[in-house]
Amino acid sequence: MAEPVYDADAGGGDACTGAESRDARHVGATPGTDITVRTDGERVVVAVRGELDLDSAGPLERALGAALDAARDGIDLELDGVVFCDCSVLNVLLGVREEGLRQGRTVVLRSVGPAVERLLTLTGTGSLFAAGPDPGGTRSAGRRGGVPDGSPRDTCASNSCDCGVRCGPAR
């Protein structure tokens, strides 16, 4: 089945239908997966919800590639709405990160859900997507949990949420 190509820098509307939205564009994926792209200063934020597997890896890779091309500094990923994530998607994330580094841009996990947190913890790859210095504090806004790398310090400081990260003060 041929899949449409989506442009992360298509303007202020839905890349599929052309419908106007407030700075966010739904770029689709596969049934059960939703990808939305929006700008945040010099960065592009890609929010993903649903299931990420071999079927959605291709559309996700194209959406992330377009977002990386459109970003000046890099892309921030919001994966807290992902309920399933397999190794094919981890390979996509690692590939996009590598391409970003070649271009002098970063790929940062702004938020993750339990499925992504588990995959990153088991593979020890969470620290590869950690944010560097953020003088304006824009990347930490709305962040749920940390970027897991399997170490005890990856905890949620709220002490009372159900973000999927071990809640409690950072150790």
Foldseek 3Di string as FASTA:
>chain_A
DDDDQFALVPDQEARVPRHGDHQKYWPDFDVQKTWIWGDDVQAIEIEMAGEADPRRQVVVLRNLVNRQVVGRAYYEYEALRYPAHDVSNVVSVVVSQVVQVVVNHHYAHLEHAQRVLVVQQVVQNQVRRHDDDDVVPPSNVPYAWHRHRNDQQREGDPQDDPRNGHHHHGD
